[in-house]
Amino acid sequence: MRTSFQIRLGGYGPPTTSFSRSLKMIGDRLEKQFGDDVDIKYIYNIMDLGFKGEDILWLTEQGFLTISYQSSSYLTDRVPELGFVDLPFLFESNEQARAAMDGALGHYLSQKTEERINYKILGYFENGFRQISNKLRPIRNPGDFGGMRIRVLPSDVQARSFDLLGATPLRLDLTEAIAGIVDGSLDAQENPFANTVTYQAHKYHRFHTRSNHFYISRSIMCHRSTYYTWPEELKIAMNDAVREAILFQREMAEQEDVESRKVIEEEGCQIEDLSPEEHENFAEAVKPQHDDAKKIFGEKMFQMLKNPTC
């Protein structure tokens, strides 16, 4: 090792979230292994500094942050293939989704991202299955979405999904979404329960539906130009630290889901658990999305779902 390598790890959530704690795990492991040869700094929530959540993309691409994470949906405008994993009801379980993102599909999407953006993709955290919250009414079938303004991630695939369900989707950054929830200009939002609690949406939305409509991964992005200046031992150590942090984060995410549901219920909110038949009604309503994806992307990525190791 030579003189100290500065590594800045950043995100957009409080230090207590599974993502922030995973960044700390990465930094701790590197400090333990390399001591003063690394200079680790954290910016757990860039929004505390006046940035938008989406700004983490250019902050990393330009090297202000060395390591960060962001939902892959934020990159679909530049990496269209990432729109595939935005498809509704693509995954049936965490286990299936993790196998895909850790296997051939994730490798393929990482490659496509690195071809277009100055990132080295180190893996994928789990944002998990997303649920719906709103201030208007219980949602148990697509017809309940009528006239409902819902915030979605900046993804054409996700916007089209809620359009098919009968809602009015609005592509908004997280900071804009939080403001819309608070001032009432947004009727609904969709997020894992843990995010719904973290961003306090349950304080304003009485009605929640466990729909599991999207499974979203958060790309772990490293400034590629910086990564390839590191000595081989530091690159290997970073890769190992990230793999360990992914396992930790996913386990924490499962616990957060259970705990966050309790918090929502304790707030006096109503949670709808869809029956298999109701769930199928949702999936049938958005089936055109899957038909379109086969025309756009072909069968390659669908085959990777069936055989994650191909």
Protein backbone atom coordinates (compact mmCIF):
# COMPACT_ATOMS: atom_id res chain seq x y z
CA MET A 1 0.00 0.00 0.00
CA ARG A 2 1.09 3.59 -0.61
CA THR A 3 -0.14 6.83 0.94
CA SER A 4 -3.69 6.91 2.31
CA PHE A 5 -6.58 6.23 -0.11
CA GLN A 6 -9.60 8.41 0.65
CA ILE A 7 -12.89 6.54 0.33
CA ARG A 8 -16.16 8.47 0.72
CA LEU A 9 -19.27 6.35 1.24
CA GLY A 10 -22.65 8.00 0.82
CA GLY A 11 -26.38 7.37 0.75
CA TYR A 12 -29.71 9.08 1.34
CA GLY A 13 -31.08 7.78 4.62
CA PRO A 14 -30.54 8.11 8.37
CA PRO A 15 -27.53 6.30 9.92
CA THR A 16 -29.93 3.70 11.41
CA THR A 17 -31.14 2.22 8.10
CA SER A 18 -29.87 -1.12 6.81
CA PHE A 19 -28.17 0.71 3.94
CA SER A 20 -26.27 3.16 6.16
CA ARG A 21 -25.25 0.43 8.56
CA SER A 22 -24.01 -1.63 5.62
CA LEU A 23 -21.85 1.26 4.42
CA LYS A 24 -20.40 1.46 7.93
CA MET A 25 -19.68 -2.26 7.85
CA ILE A 26 -17.74 -1.83 4.60
CA GLY A 27 -15.72 1.06 6.02
CA ASP A 28 -15.02 -0.74 9.30
CA ARG A 29 -13.72 -3.81 7.51
CA LEU A 30 -11.38 -1.76 5.31
CA GLU A 31 -10.06 0.21 8.30
CA LYS A 32 -9.43 -3.00 10.20
CA GLN A 33 -7.48 -4.46 7.30
CA PHE A 34 -5.55 -1.40 6.09
CA GLY A 35 -5.44 0.97 9.05
CA ASP A 36 -4.08 4.42 8.18
CA ASP A 37 -3.62 3.41 4.54
CA VAL A 38 -7.31 4.21 4.02
CA ASP A 39 -9.16 7.37 5.02
CA ILE A 40 -12.86 6.49 5.36
CA LYS A 41 -15.52 9.20 5.37
CA TYR A 42 -19.35 8.86 5.49
CA ILE A 43 -22.20 11.01 4.22
CA TYR A 44 -25.15 8.89 5.29
CA ASN A 45 -27.84 11.23 3.95
CA ILE A 46 -26.96 13.62 1.15
CA MET A 47 -30.43 15.18 1.50
CA ASP A 48 -29.29 16.63 4.83
CA LEU A 49 -26.83 18.70 2.77
CA GLY A 50 -29.50 20.04 0.43
CA PHE A 51 -29.10 17.49 -2.36
CA LYS A 52 -31.89 15.49 -3.95
CA GLY A 53 -31.86 11.72 -3.67
CA GLU A 54 -31.16 11.43 -7.40
CA ASP A 55 -28.06 13.62 -7.07
CA ILE A 56 -26.22 10.63 -5.66
CA LEU A 57 -25.88 9.43 -9.26
CA TRP A 58 -23.75 12.32 -10.51
CA LEU A 59 -21.97 12.70 -7.17
CA THR A 60 -20.65 9.16 -7.68
CA GLU A 61 -20.13 9.37 -11.42
CA GLN A 62 -17.93 12.44 -10.96
CA GLY A 63 -16.06 10.98 -8.00
CA PHE A 64 -17.30 13.22 -5.17
CA LEU A 65 -18.52 9.96 -3.62
CA THR A 66 -16.46 6.81 -3.98
CA ILE A 67 -19.16 4.30 -3.00
CA SER A 68 -22.91 4.81 -2.95
CA TYR A 69 -26.21 3.09 -3.67
CA GLN A 70 -29.38 3.99 -5.53
CA SER A 71 -32.46 2.15 -6.75
CA SER A 72 -31.70 0.79 -10.20
CA SER A 73 -34.89 2.46 -11.50
CA TYR A 74 -33.11 5.82 -11.37
CA LEU A 75 -30.75 4.62 -14.11
CA THR A 76 -33.28 3.30 -16.62
CA ASP A 77 -33.15 6.42 -18.82
CA ARG A 78 -29.45 5.76 -19.45
CA VAL A 79 -29.46 1.97 -19.15
CA PRO A 80 -32.75 0.78 -20.70
CA GLU A 81 -32.05 -2.86 -19.82
CA LEU A 82 -32.55 -1.98 -16.14
CA GLY A 83 -36.18 -1.37 -17.00
CA PHE A 84 -36.55 -5.15 -17.19
CA VAL A 85 -36.25 -5.54 -13.41
CA ASP A 86 -38.80 -2.75 -12.99
CA LEU A 87 -41.45 -5.02 -14.49
CA PRO A 88 -44.38 -5.61 -12.11
CA PHE A 89 -44.81 -9.06 -10.57
CA LEU A 90 -41.53 -10.26 -12.10
CA PHE A 91 -40.34 -12.04 -8.94
CA GLU A 92 -42.34 -14.26 -6.61
CA SER A 93 -39.99 -14.24 -3.61
CA ASN A 94 -36.90 -12.65 -2.13
CA GLU A 95 -35.02 -15.86 -2.76
CA GLN A 96 -35.82 -15.87 -6.49
CA ALA A 97 -34.95 -12.18 -6.84
CA ARG A 98 -31.67 -12.51 -4.96
CA ALA A 99 -30.60 -15.50 -7.03
CA ALA A 100 -31.27 -13.52 -10.20
CA MET A 101 -29.47 -10.36 -9.08
CA ASP A 102 -26.49 -12.30 -7.71
CA GLY A 103 -26.37 -14.46 -10.84
CA ALA A 104 -26.41 -14.09 -14.59
CA LEU A 105 -29.08 -11.38 -14.72
CA GLY A 106 -27.32 -9.12 -12.23
CA HIS A 107 -23.99 -9.65 -14.00
CA TYR A 108 -25.56 -8.74 -17.33
CA LEU A 109 -27.20 -5.59 -15.93
CA SER A 110 -23.95 -4.54 -14.23
CA GLN A 111 -22.12 -4.91 -17.53
CA LYS A 112 -24.71 -2.83 -19.37
CA THR A 113 -24.48 -0.12 -16.68
CA GLU A 114 -20.70 0.00 -16.79
CA GLU A 115 -20.77 0.33 -20.59
CA ARG A 116 -22.64 3.62 -20.28
CA ILE A 117 -21.70 5.20 -16.95
CA ASN A 118 -18.42 5.71 -15.06
CA TYR A 119 -19.39 3.16 -12.39
CA LYS A 120 -18.02 -0.13 -11.22
CA ILE A 121 -21.09 -2.03 -9.98
CA LEU A 122 -20.05 -4.00 -6.90
CA GLY A 123 -23.37 -5.75 -6.23
CA TYR A 124 -26.96 -5.09 -5.26
CA PHE A 125 -28.56 -4.19 -1.96
CA GLU A 126 -32.19 -5.15 -1.49
CA ASN A 127 -34.83 -2.45 -1.49
CA GLY A 128 -37.27 -5.34 -1.66
CA PHE A 129 -40.93 -5.72 -2.50
CA ARG A 130 -42.89 -2.51 -2.64
CA GLN A 131 -46.30 -1.81 -1.14
CA ILE A 132 -48.86 0.96 -1.66
CA SER A 133 -49.95 3.64 0.79
CA ASN A 134 -52.58 6.31 0.19
CA LYS A 135 -54.82 8.83 1.94
CA LEU A 136 -58.07 8.12 0.05
CA ARG A 137 -59.34 4.55 0.35
CA PRO A 138 -58.45 0.87 0.78
CA ILE A 139 -57.03 -0.70 -2.38
CA ARG A 140 -57.89 -4.33 -3.08
CA ASN A 141 -58.39 -4.29 -6.86
CA PRO A 142 -57.22 -2.16 -9.82
CA GLY A 143 -60.52 -0.26 -9.92
CA ASP A 144 -59.68 1.30 -6.55
CA PHE A 145 -56.91 3.35 -8.18
CA GLY A 146 -59.32 5.57 -10.12
CA GLY A 147 -58.29 9.24 -9.97
CA MET A 148 -55.41 8.56 -7.59
CA ARG A 149 -52.18 10.55 -7.99
CA ILE A 150 -49.30 8.24 -7.05
CA ARG A 151 -45.59 8.93 -6.92
CA VAL A 152 -43.41 6.44 -8.78
CA LEU A 153 -39.67 6.13 -9.29
CA PRO A 154 -38.20 7.77 -12.42
CA SER A 155 -38.92 4.75 -14.61
CA ASP A 156 -41.16 4.63 -17.67
CA VAL A 157 -41.88 0.97 -16.91
CA GLN A 158 -43.15 1.77 -13.43
CA ALA A 159 -45.17 4.75 -14.64
CA ARG A 160 -46.79 2.58 -17.33
CA SER A 161 -47.61 -0.08 -14.72
CA PHE A 162 -49.68 2.29 -12.61
CA ASP A 163 -51.24 3.79 -15.70
CA LEU A 164 -52.49 0.30 -16.58
CA LEU A 165 -53.82 -0.05 -13.03
CA GLY A 166 -55.88 3.12 -13.49
CA ALA A 167 -53.85 5.54 -11.36
CA THR A 168 -52.19 8.79 -12.38
CA PRO A 169 -48.45 8.11 -11.95
CA LEU A 170 -46.04 10.99 -11.27
CA ARG A 171 -42.29 10.48 -11.70
CA LEU A 172 -40.81 12.36 -8.75
CA ASP A 173 -37.54 12.42 -6.85
CA LEU A 174 -37.75 11.36 -3.22
CA THR A 175 -37.48 14.91 -1.89
CA GLU A 176 -40.39 15.99 -4.10
CA ALA A 177 -42.39 12.93 -3.07
CA ILE A 178 -41.96 13.61 0.64
CA ALA A 179 -43.08 17.21 0.14
CA GLY A 180 -46.14 16.03 -1.83
CA ILE A 181 -47.12 13.55 0.88
CA VAL A 182 -46.85 16.21 3.58
CA ASP A 183 -48.76 18.94 1.71
CA GLY A 184 -51.36 16.49 0.37
CA SER A 185 -50.74 17.11 -3.34
CA LEU A 186 -49.93 13.40 -3.68
CA ASP A 187 -52.65 10.86 -2.91
CA ALA A 188 -50.42 7.81 -2.80
CA GLN A 189 -46.90 6.45 -2.89
CA GLU A 190 -45.33 3.00 -3.15
CA ASN A 191 -42.35 1.74 -1.17
CA PRO A 192 -41.26 -1.10 1.07
CA PHE A 193 -42.83 -0.73 4.51
CA ALA A 194 -39.42 0.24 5.92
CA ASN A 195 -39.11 3.21 3.56
CA THR A 196 -42.73 4.22 4.22
CA VAL A 197 -41.85 4.49 7.92
CA THR A 198 -38.41 6.06 7.39
CA TYR A 199 -39.91 8.86 5.29
CA GLN A 200 -42.96 9.18 7.60
CA ALA A 201 -45.57 8.53 4.89
CA HIS A 202 -47.60 6.48 7.37
CA LYS A 203 -48.22 9.68 9.34
CA TYR A 204 -50.25 11.01 6.40
CA HIS A 205 -51.57 7.86 4.70
CA ARG A 206 -54.11 5.75 6.54
CA PHE A 207 -54.53 3.04 3.90
CA HIS A 208 -51.83 0.50 2.99
CA THR A 209 -51.87 -2.48 0.63
CA ARG A 210 -49.33 -5.30 0.72
CA SER A 211 -49.21 -5.79 -3.04
CA ASN A 212 -45.59 -6.87 -3.67
CA HIS A 213 -45.98 -5.28 -7.11
CA PHE A 214 -42.30 -4.40 -7.72
CA TYR A 215 -39.07 -5.87 -6.35
CA ILE A 216 -36.35 -3.22 -6.51
CA SER A 217 -32.61 -3.64 -6.05
CA ARG A 218 -30.26 -0.83 -5.16
CA SER A 219 -27.11 -0.82 -7.26
CA ILE A 220 -23.91 -0.47 -5.23
CA MET A 221 -21.94 1.98 -7.33
CA CYS A 222 -18.22 2.73 -7.14
CA HIS A 223 -16.54 5.56 -9.03
CA ARG A 224 -14.89 3.42 -11.69
CA SER A 225 -11.94 5.71 -12.39
CA THR A 226 -11.03 5.61 -8.71
CA TYR A 227 -11.57 1.85 -8.40
CA TYR A 228 -9.02 1.08 -11.08
CA THR A 229 -6.34 3.24 -9.44
CA TRP A 230 -6.41 1.04 -6.35
CA PRO A 231 -3.86 -1.71 -5.78
CA GLU A 232 -5.20 -5.20 -6.32
CA GLU A 233 -5.34 -5.99 -2.61
CA LEU A 234 -7.63 -3.01 -1.97
CA LYS A 235 -9.94 -3.93 -4.86
CA ILE A 236 -10.19 -7.49 -3.56
CA ALA A 237 -10.83 -6.26 -0.01
CA MET A 238 -13.55 -3.88 -1.21
CA ASN A 239 -15.28 -6.63 -3.19
CA ASP A 240 -15.17 -8.95 -0.17
CA ALA A 241 -16.46 -6.23 2.16
CA VAL A 242 -19.37 -5.46 -0.16
CA ARG A 243 -20.36 -9.12 -0.44
CA GLU A 244 -20.45 -9.38 3.36
CA ALA A 245 -22.43 -6.14 3.62
CA ILE A 246 -25.01 -7.35 1.09
CA LEU A 247 -25.78 -10.42 3.20
CA PHE A 248 -26.04 -8.25 6.30
CA GLN A 249 -28.26 -5.67 4.61
CA ARG A 250 -30.68 -8.23 3.20
CA GLU A 251 -31.09 -9.91 6.58
CA MET A 252 -31.71 -6.53 8.19
CA ALA A 253 -34.22 -5.64 5.47
CA GLU A 254 -36.33 -8.67 6.37
CA GLN A 255 -36.37 -7.60 10.02
CA GLU A 256 -37.19 -4.00 9.07
CA ASP A 257 -40.16 -5.18 7.02
CA VAL A 258 -41.71 -6.95 10.02
CA GLU A 259 -40.93 -4.14 12.46
CA SER A 260 -42.14 -1.42 10.08
CA ARG A 261 -45.46 -3.16 9.57
CA LYS A 262 -45.97 -3.07 13.33
CA VAL A 263 -45.16 0.64 13.40
CA ILE A 264 -47.71 1.32 10.65
CA GLU A 265 -50.38 -0.65 12.50
CA GLU A 266 -49.59 1.10 15.79
CA GLU A 267 -50.14 4.43 14.01
CA GLY A 268 -53.75 3.30 13.48
CA CYS A 269 -53.35 2.60 9.79
CA GLN A 270 -55.24 -0.07 7.85
CA ILE A 271 -53.23 -2.73 5.98
CA GLU A 272 -54.85 -4.80 3.24
CA ASP A 273 -53.34 -8.24 2.58
CA LEU A 274 -54.41 -9.33 -0.88
CA SER A 275 -55.83 -12.79 -1.45
CA PRO A 276 -54.23 -14.91 -4.21
CA GLU A 277 -57.18 -14.08 -6.47
CA GLU A 278 -56.86 -10.34 -5.82
CA HIS A 279 -53.12 -10.52 -6.42
CA GLU A 280 -53.77 -12.24 -9.75
CA ASN A 281 -56.18 -9.46 -10.74
CA PHE A 282 -53.35 -6.96 -10.32
CA ALA A 283 -50.90 -9.11 -12.27
CA GLU A 284 -53.39 -9.59 -15.11
CA ALA A 285 -53.98 -5.84 -15.39
CA VAL A 286 -50.27 -5.17 -16.03
CA LYS A 287 -49.59 -8.21 -18.23
CA PRO A 288 -49.15 -5.95 -21.31
CA GLN A 289 -45.93 -4.74 -19.68
CA HIS A 290 -44.44 -8.22 -19.91
CA ASP A 291 -45.59 -8.63 -23.51
CA ASP A 292 -43.96 -5.30 -24.38
CA ALA A 293 -40.73 -6.29 -22.61
CA LYS A 294 -40.41 -9.43 -24.73
CA LYS A 295 -40.70 -7.30 -27.85
CA ILE A 296 -38.15 -4.77 -26.59
CA PHE A 297 -35.61 -7.02 -24.86
CA GLY A 298 -36.27 -10.42 -26.39
CA GLU A 299 -36.20 -13.61 -24.34
CA LYS A 300 -32.63 -13.34 -23.04
CA MET A 301 -33.33 -11.83 -19.64
CA PHE A 302 -36.46 -13.92 -19.14
CA GLN A 303 -34.29 -17.00 -19.64
CA MET A 304 -31.86 -15.71 -17.03
CA LEU A 305 -34.74 -15.68 -14.54
CA LYS A 306 -35.36 -19.35 -15.19
CA ASN A 307 -31.66 -20.23 -15.00
CA PRO A 308 -29.80 -17.73 -12.76
CA THR A 309 -26.44 -19.42 -13.33
CA CYS A 310 -26.52 -19.50 -17.14
